[in-house]
C-alpha atoms as a PDB file:
ATOM      1  CA  LEU A   1     -14.637 -10.785  -8.079  1.00  0.00           C
ATOM      2  CA  LEU A   2     -12.808 -12.858 -10.045  1.00  0.00           C
ATOM      3  CA  ALA A   3     -10.312  -9.923 -10.498  1.00  0.00           C
ATOM      4  CA  ASP A   4      -9.940 -10.171  -6.795  1.00  0.00           C
ATOM      5  CA  VAL A   5      -9.541 -13.764  -6.719  1.00  0.00           C
ATOM      6  CA  ARG A   6      -6.599 -13.524  -9.229  1.00  0.00           C
ATOM      7  CA  TYR A   7      -5.065 -10.549  -7.419  1.00  0.00           C
ATOM      8  CA  ASN A   8      -5.054 -12.722  -4.302  1.00  0.00           C
ATOM      9  CA  GLU A   9      -3.181 -15.425  -6.457  1.00  0.00           C
ATOM     10  CA  ASN A  10      -0.661 -13.069  -7.433  1.00  0.00           C
ATOM     11  CA  SER A  11      -1.640 -13.538 -10.899  1.00  0.00           C
ATOM     12  CA  PHE A  12      -1.635  -9.899 -11.601  1.00  0.00           C
ATOM     13  CA  SER A  13      -1.539  -9.579 -15.365  1.00  0.00           C
ATOM     14  CA  GLU A  14      -4.869 -11.706 -15.536  1.00  0.00           C
ATOM     15  CA  ALA A  15      -6.251  -9.271 -12.589  1.00  0.00           C
ATOM     16  CA  GLY A  16      -5.364  -6.339 -14.609  1.00  0.00           C
ATOM     17  CA  GLU A  17      -7.179  -7.876 -17.619  1.00  0.00           C
ATOM     18  CA  LEU A  18     -10.195  -8.730 -15.657  1.00  0.00           C
ATOM     19  CA  LEU A  19     -10.284  -5.208 -14.249  1.00  0.00           C
ATOM     20  CA  GLU A  20     -10.254  -3.564 -17.820  1.00  0.00           C
ATOM     21  CA  ALA A  21     -13.107  -5.679 -18.866  1.00  0.00           C
ATOM     22  CA  ALA A  22     -15.211  -4.750 -15.491  1.00  0.00           C
ATOM     23  CA  LEU A  23     -14.408  -1.176 -16.448  1.00  0.00           C
ATOM     24  CA  ALA A  24     -15.587  -1.558 -20.169  1.00  0.00           C
ATOM     25  CA  GLU A  25     -18.736  -3.112 -18.796  1.00  0.00           C
ATOM     26  CA  THR A  26     -19.890  -0.836 -15.954  1.00  0.00           C
ATOM     27  CA  ALA A  27     -22.572   1.699 -16.326  1.00  0.00           C
ATOM     28  CA  ASP A  28     -22.008   2.932 -12.705  1.00  0.00           C
ATOM     29  CA  PRO A  29     -19.422   5.967 -12.457  1.00  0.00           C
ATOM     30  CA  ALA A  30     -18.555   5.314  -8.635  1.00  0.00           C
ATOM     31  CA  LEU A  31     -17.795   1.917  -9.655  1.00  0.00           C
ATOM     32  CA  ALA A  32     -15.620   2.875 -12.449  1.00  0.00           C
ATOM     33  CA  VAL A  33     -13.476   5.206 -10.428  1.00  0.00           C
ATOM     34  CA  SER A  34     -12.996   2.459  -7.840  1.00  0.00           C
ATOM     35  CA  ILE A  35     -11.890  -0.119 -10.874  1.00  0.00           C
ATOM     36  CA  GLN A  36      -9.768   2.820 -12.504  1.00  0.00           C
ATOM     37  CA  LEU A  37      -7.622   3.177  -8.972  1.00  0.00           C
ATOM     38  CA  ALA A  38      -7.474  -0.650  -8.683  1.00  0.00           C
ATOM     39  CA  VAL A  39      -6.249  -0.797 -12.426  1.00  0.00           C
ATOM     40  CA  ALA A  40      -3.699   1.890 -11.510  1.00  0.00           C
ATOM     41  CA  TYR A  41      -2.489   0.455  -8.596  1.00  0.00           C
ATOM     42  CA  VAL A  42      -1.925  -2.979 -10.201  1.00  0.00           C
ATOM     43  CA  ARG A  43      -0.062  -1.320 -13.139  1.00  0.00           C
ATOM     44  CA  CYS A  44       2.299   0.436 -10.951  1.00  0.00           C
ATOM     45  CA  HIS A  45       2.941  -1.756  -8.161  1.00  0.00           C
ATOM     46  CA  HIS A  46       2.809  -5.289  -9.735  1.00  0.00           C
ATOM     47  CA  LEU A  47       3.345  -4.708 -13.451  1.00  0.00           C
ATOM     48  CA  GLY A  48       5.872  -1.731 -13.273  1.00  0.00           C
ATOM     49  CA  THR A  49       4.068   0.093 -16.116  1.00  0.00           C
ATOM     50  CA  TYR A  50       3.893   3.223 -14.320  1.00  0.00           C
ATOM     51  CA  ALA A  51       3.127   5.865 -17.077  1.00  0.00           C
ATOM     52  CA  SER A  52       0.207   3.772 -18.238  1.00  0.00           C
ATOM     53  CA  ALA A  53      -1.420   4.074 -14.748  1.00  0.00           C
ATOM     54  CA  LEU A  54      -1.686   8.099 -15.271  1.00  0.00           C
ATOM     55  CA  PRO A  55      -4.839   8.440 -17.318  1.00  0.00           C
ATOM     56  CA  TYR A  56      -6.515   6.000 -15.010  1.00  0.00           C
ATOM     57  CA  VAL A  57      -5.956   8.288 -11.866  1.00  0.00           C
ATOM     58  CA  ASP A  58      -6.553  11.326 -14.134  1.00  0.00           C
ATOM     59  CA  ARG A  59     -10.138   9.978 -15.182  1.00  0.00           C
ATOM     60  CA  ALA A  60     -10.789   8.684 -11.503  1.00  0.00           C
ATOM     61  CA  VAL A  61     -10.321  12.218 -10.016  1.00  0.00           C
ATOM     62  CA  THR A  62     -12.234  13.922 -12.907  1.00  0.00           C
ATOM     63  CA  THR A  63     -15.253  11.469 -12.219  1.00  0.00           C
ATOM     64  CA  ALA A  64     -15.190  11.698  -8.596  1.00  0.00           C
ATOM     65  CA  LEU A  65     -15.113  15.499  -8.546  1.00  0.00           C
ATOM     66  CA  GLU A  66     -18.318  15.254 -10.917  1.00  0.00           C
ATOM     67  CA  LEU A  67     -20.250  13.027  -8.510  1.00  0.00           C
ATOM     68  CA  GLY A  68     -19.337  14.965  -5.299  1.00  0.00           C
ATOM     69  CA  ASP A  69     -18.515  11.761  -3.313  1.00  0.00           C
ATOM     70  CA  ARG A  70     -16.069  13.080  -0.906  1.00  0.00           C
ATOM     71  CA  ALA A  71     -14.766   9.683   0.173  1.00  0.00           C
ATOM     72  CA  LEU A  72     -14.297   8.567  -3.304  1.00  0.00           C
ATOM     73  CA  LEU A  73     -12.528  11.778  -4.196  1.00  0.00           C
ATOM     74  CA  ALA A  74     -10.057  11.394  -1.328  1.00  0.00           C
ATOM     75  CA  GLU A  75      -9.136   7.840  -2.431  1.00  0.00           C
ATOM     76  CA  ALA A  76      -8.606   9.242  -6.095  1.00  0.00           C
ATOM     77  CA  LEU A  77      -6.352  12.207  -5.057  1.00  0.00           C
ATOM     78  CA  ALA A  78      -4.304  10.023  -2.894  1.00  0.00           C
ATOM     79  CA  VAL A  79      -3.726   7.283  -5.592  1.00  0.00           C
ATOM     80  CA  LYS A  80      -3.052   9.991  -8.174  1.00  0.00           C
ATOM     81  CA  ALA A  81      -0.544  11.534  -5.983  1.00  0.00           C
ATOM     82  CA  MET A  82       1.223   8.099  -5.480  1.00  0.00           C
ATOM     83  CA  VAL A  83       0.953   7.310  -9.374  1.00  0.00           C
ATOM     84  CA  TYR A  84       2.310  10.784 -10.135  1.00  0.00           C
ATOM     85  CA  PHE A  85       5.179  10.501  -7.610  1.00  0.00           C
ATOM     86  CA  LEU A  86       6.050   6.840  -8.931  1.00  0.00           C
ATOM     87  CA  ASN A  87       6.369   8.504 -12.356  1.00  0.00           C
ATOM     88  CA  GLY A  88       8.891  10.867 -11.108  1.00  0.00           C
ATOM     89  CA  ARG A  89       6.587  13.925 -10.905  1.00  0.00           C
ATOM     90  CA  GLY A  90       7.334  14.890  -7.267  1.00  0.00           C
ATOM     91  CA  ILE A  91       4.843  14.792  -4.638  1.00  0.00           C
ATOM     92  CA  ASP A  92       1.660  16.997  -4.713  1.00  0.00           C
ATOM     93  CA  TRP A  93       1.409  17.516  -0.838  1.00  0.00           C
ATOM     94  CA  GLU A  94      -1.567  19.753  -1.376  1.00  0.00           C
ATOM     95  CA  SER A  95      -3.560  16.873  -3.016  1.00  0.00           C
ATOM     96  CA  VAL A  96      -2.507  14.491  -0.338  1.00  0.00           C
ATOM     97  CA  ASP A  97      -3.729  16.832   2.516  1.00  0.00           C
ATOM     98  CA  ARG A  98      -6.968  17.559   0.531  1.00  0.00           C
ATOM     99  CA  ALA A  99      -7.210  13.745   0.608  1.00  0.00           C
ATOM    100  CA  LEU A 100      -6.681  13.232   4.231  1.00  0.00           C
ATOM    101  CA  GLU A 101      -9.383  15.975   4.799  1.00  0.00           C
ATOM    102  CA  LEU A 102     -12.065  14.101   2.932  1.00  0.00           C
ATOM    103  CA  ASP A 103     -11.023  10.774   4.061  1.00  0.00           C
ATOM    104  CA  ASP A 104     -13.886   8.735   5.661  1.00  0.00           C
ATOM    105  CA  SER A 105     -12.010   6.198   8.178  1.00  0.00           C
ATOM    106  CA  SER A 106     -15.062   4.162   8.544  1.00  0.00           C
ATOM    107  CA  ARG A 107     -15.301   3.473   4.621  1.00  0.00           C
ATOM    108  CA  VAL A 108     -14.384   0.023   4.014  1.00  0.00           C
ATOM    109  CA  THR A 109     -11.743   0.022   1.263  1.00  0.00           C
ATOM    110  CA  ALA A 110      -8.496  -1.938   0.597  1.00  0.00           C
ATOM    111  CA  LEU A 111      -5.510  -0.866   2.646  1.00  0.00           C
ATOM    112  CA  ASP A 112      -3.390   0.205  -0.398  1.00  0.00           C
ATOM    113  CA  LEU A 113      -6.153   2.603  -1.546  1.00  0.00           C
ATOM    114  CA  ARG A 114      -6.590   4.518   1.643  1.00  0.00           C
ATOM    115  CA  PRO A 115      -5.335   8.084   1.896  1.00  0.00           C
ATOM    116  CA  THR A 116      -3.648   7.630   5.331  1.00  0.00           C
ATOM    117  CA  TRP A 117      -1.679   4.514   4.280  1.00  0.00           C
ATOM    118  CA  ILE A 118      -0.563   6.510   0.838  1.00  0.00           C
ATOM    119  CA  ALA A 119       0.362   9.526   3.011  1.00  0.00           C
ATOM    120  CA  ALA A 120       2.237   7.415   5.244  1.00  0.00           C
ATOM    121  CA  LEU A 121       4.193   5.813   2.398  1.00  0.00           C
ATOM    122  CA  LEU A 122       4.650   8.994   0.979  1.00  0.00           C
ATOM    123  CA  ASN A 123       6.103  10.587   4.262  1.00  0.00           C
ATOM    124  CA  VAL A 124       8.450   7.582   4.515  1.00  0.00           C
ATOM    125  CA  TYR A 125       9.680   7.741   0.619  1.00  0.00           C
ATOM    126  CA  SER A 126      10.328  11.548   1.281  1.00  0.00           C
ATOM    127  CA  GLY A 127      12.180  11.162   4.376  1.00  0.00           C
ATOM    128  CA  ARG A 128       9.379  12.440   6.698  1.00  0.00           C
ATOM    129  CA  LEU A 129      10.023   9.408   8.961  1.00  0.00           C
ATOM    130  CA  ASP A 130       7.961  11.050  12.332  1.00  0.00           C
ATOM    131  CA  GLU A 131       5.106  11.822  10.227  1.00  0.00           C
ATOM    132  CA  GLY A 132       5.088   8.534   8.557  1.00  0.00           C
ATOM    133  CA  ARG A 133       5.548   6.523  11.689  1.00  0.00           C
ATOM    134  CA  ALA A 134       2.733   8.344  13.407  1.00  0.00           C
ATOM    135  CA  ARG A 135       0.142   7.672  10.694  1.00  0.00           C
ATOM    136  CA  LEU A 136       1.181   3.951  10.368  1.00  0.00           C
ATOM    137  CA  HIS A 137       0.985   3.285  14.247  1.00  0.00           C
ATOM    138  CA  ALA A 138      -2.538   4.781  13.717  1.00  0.00           C
ATOM    139  CA  LEU A 139      -3.201   2.392  10.825  1.00  0.00           C
ATOM    140  CA  ARG A 140      -1.883  -0.136  13.138  1.00  0.00           C
ATOM    141  CA  ALA A 141      -4.398   0.316  15.662  1.00  0.00           C
ATOM    142  CA  ASP A 142      -7.284   0.291  12.956  1.00  0.00           C
ATOM    143  CA  ALA A 143      -6.322  -2.994  11.594  1.00  0.00           C
ATOM    144  CA  GLU A 144      -5.758  -4.064  15.060  1.00  0.00           C
ATOM    145  CA  ARG A 145      -9.185  -3.595  16.437  1.00  0.00           C
ATOM    146  CA  SER A 146     -10.796  -4.824  13.171  1.00  0.00           C
ATOM    147  CA  GLY A 147      -8.973  -8.086  13.337  1.00  0.00           C
ATOM    148  CA  ASP A 148      -7.304  -8.029   9.871  1.00  0.00           C
ATOM    149  CA  GLU A 149      -3.782  -9.769   9.995  1.00  0.00           C
ATOM    150  CA  SER A 150      -3.099  -9.176   6.597  1.00  0.00           C
ATOM    151  CA  ASP A 151      -3.261  -5.159   6.959  1.00  0.00           C
ATOM    152  CA  VAL A 152      -1.278  -5.794  10.105  1.00  0.00           C
ATOM    153  CA  ALA A 153       1.319  -7.508   8.760  1.00  0.00           C
ATOM    154  CA  GLN A 154       2.034  -5.127   5.750  1.00  0.00           C
ATOM    155  CA  ILE A 155       1.865  -2.120   8.367  1.00  0.00           C
ATOM    156  CA  LEU A 156       4.347  -3.949  10.907  1.00  0.00           C
ATOM    157  CA  PHE A 157       6.564  -4.385   7.741  1.00  0.00           C
ATOM    158  CA  TRP A 158       6.747  -0.712   6.731  1.00  0.00           C
ATOM    159  CA  LEU A 159       7.162   0.278  10.445  1.00  0.00           C
ATOM    160  CA  ALA A 160      10.196  -1.900  10.472  1.00  0.00           C
ATOM    161  CA  TRP A 161      11.544  -0.238   7.726  1.00  0.00           C
ATOM    162  CA  VAL A 162      10.892   3.095   9.149  1.00  0.00           C
ATOM    163  CA  GLU A 163      12.999   1.948  12.144  1.00  0.00           C
ATOM    164  CA  SER A 164      15.885   0.772   9.874  1.00  0.00           C
ATOM    165  CA  LEU A 165      15.908   4.031   8.239  1.00  0.00           C
ATOM    166  CA  SER A 166      16.211   5.619  11.601  1.00  0.00           C
ATOM    167  CA  GLY A 167      18.573   3.547  12.904  1.00  0.00           C
ATOM    168  CA  SER A 168      16.697   2.041  15.493  1.00  0.00           C
ATOM    169  CA  LEU A 169      17.925  -1.532  14.764  1.00  0.00           C
ATOM    170  CA  SER A 170      16.605  -3.200  17.675  1.00  0.00           C
ATOM    171  CA  ALA A 171      13.100  -2.166  17.201  1.00  0.00           C
ATOM    172  CA  SER A 172      13.289  -2.646  13.548  1.00  0.00           C
ATOM    173  CA  LEU A 173      14.052  -6.419  14.370  1.00  0.00           C
ATOM    174  CA  ALA A 174      11.404  -6.771  16.905  1.00  0.00           C
ATOM    175  CA  LEU A 175       8.704  -5.484  14.462  1.00  0.00           C
ATOM    176  CA  GLY A 176      10.086  -7.461  11.655  1.00  0.00           C
ATOM    177  CA  ARG A 177       9.271 -10.510  13.729  1.00  0.00           C
ATOM    178  CA  ASP A 178       5.805  -9.338  14.736  1.00  0.00           C
ATOM    179  CA  ALA A 179       5.373  -8.758  11.207  1.00  0.00           C
ATOM    180  CA  LEU A 180       6.541 -12.455  10.090  1.00  0.00           C
ATOM    181  CA  VAL A 181       3.887 -13.711  13.270  1.00  0.00           C
ATOM    182  CA  GLN A 182       0.901 -11.762  11.501  1.00  0.00           C
ATOM    183  CA  ALA A 183       2.005 -12.869   8.096  1.00  0.00           C
ATOM    184  CA  THR A 184       1.843 -16.403   9.221  1.00  0.00           C
ATOM    185  CA  VAL A 185      -1.397 -16.322  10.883  1.00  0.00           C
ATOM    186  CA  SER A 186      -3.103 -14.413   7.769  1.00  0.00           C
ATOM    187  CA  GLY A 187      -1.777 -17.251   5.445  1.00  0.00           C
ATOM    188  CA  SER A 188      -0.095 -14.618   3.310  1.00  0.00           C
ATOM    189  CA  GLU A 189       3.385 -16.149   1.486  1.00  0.00           C
ATOM    190  CA  GLN A 190       3.612 -12.568   0.064  1.00  0.00           C
ATOM    191  CA  SER A 191       3.566 -10.899   3.270  1.00  0.00           C
ATOM    192  CA  ARG A 192       5.849 -13.804   4.922  1.00  0.00           C
ATOM    193  CA  ALA A 193       8.577 -13.025   2.072  1.00  0.00           C
ATOM    194  CA  TRP A 194       8.614  -9.137   2.974  1.00  0.00           C
ATOM    195  CA  ALA A 195       8.800  -9.653   6.512  1.00  0.00           C
ATOM    196  CA  PHE A 196      11.953 -12.136   6.067  1.00  0.00           C
ATOM    197  CA  ALA A 197      13.475  -9.469   3.902  1.00  0.00           C
ATOM    198  CA  GLN A 198      13.088  -7.050   6.394  1.00  0.00           C
ATOM    199  CA  LEU A 199      14.424  -9.231   9.032  1.00  0.00           C
ATOM    200  CA  ALA A 200      17.426 -10.119   6.668  1.00  0.00           C
ATOM    201  CA  VAL A 201      17.907  -6.062   6.401  1.00  0.00           C
ATOM    202  CA  ALA A 202      17.880  -5.661  10.028  1.00  0.00           C
ATOM    203  CA  GLN A 203      20.195  -8.678  10.565  1.00  0.00           C
ATOM    204  CA  ALA A 204      22.608  -7.124   8.067  1.00  0.00           C
ATOM    205  CA  GLN A 205      22.659  -3.735   9.672  1.00  0.00           C
ATOM    206  CA  LEU A 206      23.259  -5.177  13.275  1.00  0.00           C
ATOM    207  CA  GLY A 207      26.196  -7.363  11.576  1.00  0.00           C
ATOM    208  CA  ASP A 208      24.827 -10.721  11.892  1.00  0.00           C
ATOM    209  CA  ALA A 209      25.762 -12.260   8.710  1.00  0.00           C
ATOM    210  CA  ALA A 210      24.597 -15.985   9.296  1.00  0.00           C
ATOM    211  CA  ALA A 211      21.134 -14.590  10.506  1.00  0.00           C
ATOM    212  CA  CYS A 212      20.996 -12.092   7.610  1.00  0.00           C
ATOM    213  CA  ARG A 213      21.584 -15.204   5.083  1.00  0.00           C
ATOM    214  CA  SER A 214      18.973 -17.249   6.863  1.00  0.00           C
ATOM    215  CA  ALA A 215      15.915 -14.865   6.889  1.00  0.00           C
ATOM    216  CA  ALA A 216      17.094 -13.947   3.276  1.00  0.00           C
ATOM    217  CA  ALA A 217      16.873 -17.504   2.039  1.00  0.00           C
ATOM    218  CA  SER A 218      13.836 -18.022   4.054  1.00  0.00           C
ATOM    219  CA  GLY A 219      11.940 -15.463   1.957  1.00  0.00           C
ATOM    220  CA  ILE A 220      12.877 -16.606  -1.201  1.00  0.00           C
END
């Protein structure tokens, strides 16, 4: 719980240390898998120590297989695919597809660990924009139904980025503005910064230098 608090306060190094401590203390193998995935996420996405995340995802997949927990295995396979990709090892689409087959959409879990989310990002990273867009729209609908403004803001940011990559600049700008509204409602300064960054990109692509500088400055 304290690790979650520190993470939400952007104290990522301390959150990682607390997760490590929790992992050392737990005797619950299912909980250990969830903690290992969280440690891997923090190490990759916030601390930038990509290689150090590899043993955590490997152990998480092994334990999830032993437990026979389909939903947990889905998360472990998806996170492992992302971690391996971030380590320059390509995308294991077979594992991603397996994770999507096993995924339980009713399971309560962080957006960043959901197989559909990870599949969507890998689609975008690899240029499969139509597939990524479709998955992101499905995730947006789920988040809006559950009323999770912070997830909606994050999803909208990525949808805006997809439209930028696709050359649909007006759509990108509109989605970026929607992301900013949702980020403001959720109270997430980090999400607001990302939304402003995307708005700056969209304005730059549209040739509006003044609006680009203004959005960039607001995001700092």
